[in-house]
Amino acid sequence: MMTLLILGVLLWSAAHLFKRLAPAARARMGDPAKGWSPWRLPSLSC
């Protein structure tokens, strides 16, 4: 159980560090790189 907790924290940390350290690479990935959030509004573009 502790192993899963540690792996989860490491994965979360890596994702957030990547966002800060390599914003250009993340931008090239497009919207899917931003992840899913129930609070994000759907795009209204046609």
PDB file of N, CA and C in Angstrom:
ATOM      1  N   MET A   1       0.826  -1.189   0.000  1.00  0.00           N
ATOM      2  CA  MET A   1       0.000   0.000   0.000  1.00  0.00           C
ATOM      3  C   MET A   1       0.876   1.261   0.000  1.00  0.00           C
ATOM      4  N   MET A   2       1.904   1.241   0.808  1.00  0.00           N
ATOM      5  CA  MET A   2       2.798   2.401   0.877  1.00  0.00           C
ATOM      6  C   MET A   2       3.515   2.610  -0.459  1.00  0.00           C
ATOM      7  N   THR A   3       3.812   1.514  -1.142  1.00  0.00           N
ATOM      8  CA  THR A   3       4.474   1.608  -2.447  1.00  0.00           C
ATOM      9  C   THR A   3       3.592   2.346  -3.443  1.00  0.00           C
ATOM     10  N   LEU A   4       2.294   2.040  -3.446  1.00  0.00           N
ATOM     11  CA  LEU A   4       1.375   2.731  -4.350  1.00  0.00           C
ATOM     12  C   LEU A   4       1.285   4.222  -4.024  1.00  0.00           C
ATOM     13  N   LEU A   5       1.280   4.546  -2.752  1.00  0.00           N
ATOM     14  CA  LEU A   5       1.244   5.945  -2.333  1.00  0.00           C
ATOM     15  C   LEU A   5       2.486   6.687  -2.818  1.00  0.00           C
ATOM     16  N   ILE A   6       3.633   6.085  -2.632  1.00  0.00           N
ATOM     17  CA  ILE A   6       4.892   6.702  -3.057  1.00  0.00           C
ATOM     18  C   ILE A   6       4.937   6.845  -4.576  1.00  0.00           C
ATOM     19  N   LEU A   7       4.524   5.809  -5.301  1.00  0.00           N
ATOM     20  CA  LEU A   7       4.499   5.890  -6.764  1.00  0.00           C
ATOM     21  C   LEU A   7       3.531   6.968  -7.247  1.00  0.00           C
ATOM     22  N   GLY A   8       2.402   7.072  -6.594  1.00  0.00           N
ATOM     23  CA  GLY A   8       1.431   8.107  -6.955  1.00  0.00           C
ATOM     24  C   GLY A   8       1.983   9.506  -6.747  1.00  0.00           C
ATOM     25  N   VAL A   9       2.637   9.724  -5.637  1.00  0.00           N
ATOM     26  CA  VAL A   9       3.239  11.035  -5.355  1.00  0.00           C
ATOM     27  C   VAL A   9       4.356  11.330  -6.355  1.00  0.00           C
ATOM     28  N   LEU A  10       5.153  10.333  -6.692  1.00  0.00           N
ATOM     29  CA  LEU A  10       6.220  10.534  -7.678  1.00  0.00           C
ATOM     30  C   LEU A  10       5.657  10.871  -9.055  1.00  0.00           C
ATOM     31  N   LEU A  11       4.604  10.174  -9.457  1.00  0.00           N
ATOM     32  CA  LEU A  11       3.974  10.446 -10.745  1.00  0.00           C
ATOM     33  C   LEU A  11       3.366  11.840 -10.778  1.00  0.00           C
ATOM     34  N   TRP A  12       2.662  12.193  -9.718  1.00  0.00           N
ATOM     35  CA  TRP A  12       2.065  13.526  -9.617  1.00  0.00           C
ATOM     36  C   TRP A  12       3.160  14.602  -9.678  1.00  0.00           C
ATOM     37  N   SER A  13       4.236  14.402  -8.940  1.00  0.00           N
ATOM     38  CA  SER A  13       5.335  15.373  -8.912  1.00  0.00           C
ATOM     39  C   SER A  13       5.985  15.511 -10.286  1.00  0.00           C
ATOM     40  N   ALA A  14       6.207  14.386 -10.960  1.00  0.00           N
ATOM     41  CA  ALA A  14       6.830  14.424 -12.281  1.00  0.00           C
ATOM     42  C   ALA A  14       5.955  15.186 -13.267  1.00  0.00           C
ATOM     43  N   ALA A  15       4.658  14.957 -13.226  1.00  0.00           N
ATOM     44  CA  ALA A  15       3.748  15.660 -14.137  1.00  0.00           C
ATOM     45  C   ALA A  15       3.760  17.157 -13.885  1.00  0.00           C
ATOM     46  N   HIS A  16       3.757  17.566 -12.638  1.00  0.00           N
ATOM     47  CA  HIS A  16       3.749  18.993 -12.331  1.00  0.00           C
ATOM     48  C   HIS A  16       5.099  19.654 -12.592  1.00  0.00           C
ATOM     49  N   LEU A  17       6.177  18.934 -12.371  1.00  0.00           N
ATOM     50  CA  LEU A  17       7.490  19.483 -12.702  1.00  0.00           C
ATOM     51  C   LEU A  17       7.647  19.624 -14.211  1.00  0.00           C
ATOM     52  N   PHE A  18       7.159  18.652 -14.972  1.00  0.00           N
ATOM     53  CA  PHE A  18       7.223  18.714 -16.433  1.00  0.00           C
ATOM     54  C   PHE A  18       6.479  19.941 -16.942  1.00  0.00           C
ATOM     55  N   LYS A  19       5.348  20.228 -16.332  1.00  0.00           N
ATOM     56  CA  LYS A  19       4.547  21.391 -16.733  1.00  0.00           C
ATOM     57  C   LYS A  19       5.348  22.679 -16.549  1.00  0.00           C
ATOM     58  N   ARG A  20       6.126  22.752 -15.497  1.00  0.00           N
ATOM     59  CA  ARG A  20       6.904  23.964 -15.200  1.00  0.00           C
ATOM     60  C   ARG A  20       8.244  24.019 -15.932  1.00  0.00           C
ATOM     61  N   LEU A  21       8.891  22.867 -16.101  1.00  0.00           N
ATOM     62  CA  LEU A  21      10.227  22.848 -16.682  1.00  0.00           C
ATOM     63  C   LEU A  21      10.234  22.805 -18.205  1.00  0.00           C
ATOM     64  N   ALA A  22       9.175  22.269 -18.801  1.00  0.00           N
ATOM     65  CA  ALA A  22       9.145  22.131 -20.259  1.00  0.00           C
ATOM     66  C   ALA A  22       7.789  22.583 -20.824  1.00  0.00           C
ATOM     67  N   PRO A  23       7.428  23.853 -20.658  1.00  0.00           N
ATOM     68  CA  PRO A  23       6.114  24.306 -21.140  1.00  0.00           C
ATOM     69  C   PRO A  23       5.976  24.206 -22.663  1.00  0.00           C
ATOM     70  N   ALA A  24       7.062  24.367 -23.398  1.00  0.00           N
ATOM     71  CA  ALA A  24       6.984  24.296 -24.861  1.00  0.00           C
ATOM     72  C   ALA A  24       6.651  22.873 -25.308  1.00  0.00           C
ATOM     73  N   ALA A  25       7.286  21.885 -24.685  1.00  0.00           N
ATOM     74  CA  ALA A  25       7.001  20.493 -25.040  1.00  0.00           C
ATOM     75  C   ALA A  25       5.560  20.143 -24.686  1.00  0.00           C
ATOM     76  N   ARG A  26       5.088  20.639 -23.572  1.00  0.00           N
ATOM     77  CA  ARG A  26       3.707  20.376 -23.167  1.00  0.00           C
ATOM     78  C   ARG A  26       2.726  21.053 -24.109  1.00  0.00           C
ATOM     79  N   ALA A  27       3.053  22.242 -24.571  1.00  0.00           N
ATOM     80  CA  ALA A  27       2.178  22.959 -25.503  1.00  0.00           C
ATOM     81  C   ALA A  27       2.076  22.213 -26.835  1.00  0.00           C
ATOM     82  N   ARG A  28       3.177  21.594 -27.269  1.00  0.00           N
ATOM     83  CA  ARG A  28       3.148  20.839 -28.527  1.00  0.00           C
ATOM     84  C   ARG A  28       2.241  19.619 -28.434  1.00  0.00           C
ATOM     85  N   MET A  29       1.996  19.124 -27.229  1.00  0.00           N
ATOM     86  CA  MET A  29       1.126  17.968 -27.057  1.00  0.00           C
ATOM     87  C   MET A  29      -0.350  18.323 -27.229  1.00  0.00           C
ATOM     88  N   GLY A  30      -0.672  19.596 -27.130  1.00  0.00           N
ATOM     89  CA  GLY A  30      -2.058  20.025 -27.320  1.00  0.00           C
ATOM     90  C   GLY A  30      -2.901  19.879 -26.062  1.00  0.00           C
ATOM     91  N   ASP A  31      -4.216  19.978 -26.234  1.00  0.00           N
ATOM     92  CA  ASP A  31      -5.141  19.930 -25.102  1.00  0.00           C
ATOM     93  C   ASP A  31      -5.101  18.638 -24.298  1.00  0.00           C
ATOM     94  N   PRO A  32      -4.913  17.465 -24.914  1.00  0.00           N
ATOM     95  CA  PRO A  32      -4.891  16.244 -24.099  1.00  0.00           C
ATOM     96  C   PRO A  32      -3.794  16.257 -23.022  1.00  0.00           C
ATOM     97  N   ALA A  33      -2.742  17.023 -23.227  1.00  0.00           N
ATOM     98  CA  ALA A  33      -1.660  17.070 -22.239  1.00  0.00           C
ATOM     99  C   ALA A  33      -2.085  17.800 -20.974  1.00  0.00           C
ATOM    100  N   LYS A  34      -3.165  18.545 -21.048  1.00  0.00           N
ATOM    101  CA  LYS A  34      -3.632  19.290 -19.882  1.00  0.00           C
ATOM    102  C   LYS A  34      -4.400  18.415 -18.911  1.00  0.00           C
ATOM    103  N   GLY A  35      -4.831  17.260 -19.365  1.00  0.00           N
ATOM    104  CA  GLY A  35      -5.546  16.351 -18.481  1.00  0.00           C
ATOM    105  C   GLY A  35      -7.027  16.656 -18.415  1.00  0.00           C
ATOM    106  N   TRP A  36      -7.761  15.754 -17.776  1.00  0.00           N
ATOM    107  CA  TRP A  36      -9.206  15.894 -17.665  1.00  0.00           C
ATOM    108  C   TRP A  36      -9.551  16.533 -16.333  1.00  0.00           C
ATOM    109  N   SER A  37     -10.529  17.412 -16.342  1.00  0.00           N
ATOM    110  CA  SER A  37     -10.994  18.022 -15.113  1.00  0.00           C
ATOM    111  C   SER A  37     -12.503  18.210 -15.196  1.00  0.00           C
ATOM    112  N   PRO A  38     -13.234  17.849 -14.152  1.00  0.00           N
ATOM    113  CA  PRO A  38     -14.683  18.038 -14.189  1.00  0.00           C
ATOM    114  C   PRO A  38     -15.080  19.504 -14.159  1.00  0.00           C
ATOM    115  N   TRP A  39     -14.152  20.397 -13.796  1.00  0.00           N
ATOM    116  CA  TRP A  39     -14.459  21.807 -13.699  1.00  0.00           C
ATOM    117  C   TRP A  39     -14.148  22.577 -14.974  1.00  0.00           C
ATOM    118  N   ARG A  40     -13.471  21.936 -15.911  1.00  0.00           N
ATOM    119  CA  ARG A  40     -13.134  22.627 -17.155  1.00  0.00           C
ATOM    120  C   ARG A  40     -14.370  22.680 -18.040  1.00  0.00           C
ATOM    121  N   LEU A  41     -14.640  23.870 -18.574  1.00  0.00           N
ATOM    122  CA  LEU A  41     -15.789  24.041 -19.446  1.00  0.00           C
ATOM    123  C   LEU A  41     -15.487  23.491 -20.829  1.00  0.00           C
ATOM    124  N   PRO A  42     -16.478  22.943 -21.500  1.00  0.00           N
ATOM    125  CA  PRO A  42     -16.245  22.445 -22.867  1.00  0.00           C
ATOM    126  C   PRO A  42     -15.937  23.588 -23.809  1.00  0.00           C
ATOM    127  N   SER A  43     -15.170  23.291 -24.818  1.00  0.00           N
ATOM    128  CA  SER A  43     -14.817  24.292 -25.815  1.00  0.00           C
ATOM    129  C   SER A  43     -16.047  24.669 -26.625  1.00  0.00           C
ATOM    130  N   LEU A  44     -16.240  25.969 -26.858  1.00  0.00           N
ATOM    131  CA  LEU A  44     -17.396  26.441 -27.612  1.00  0.00           C
ATOM    132  C   LEU A  44     -17.027  26.801 -29.038  1.00  0.00           C
ATOM    133  N   SER A  45     -15.787  26.498 -29.450  1.00  0.00           N
ATOM    134  CA  SER A  45     -15.374  26.831 -30.818  1.00  0.00           C
ATOM    135  C   SER A  45     -16.032  25.874 -31.810  1.00  0.00           C
ATOM    136  N   CYS A  46     -16.276  26.401 -32.998  1.00  0.00           N
ATOM    137  CA  CYS A  46     -16.955  25.604 -34.043  1.00  0.00           C
ATOM    138  C   CYS A  46     -15.966  24.916 -34.937  1.00  0.00           C
TER     139      CYS A  46
END
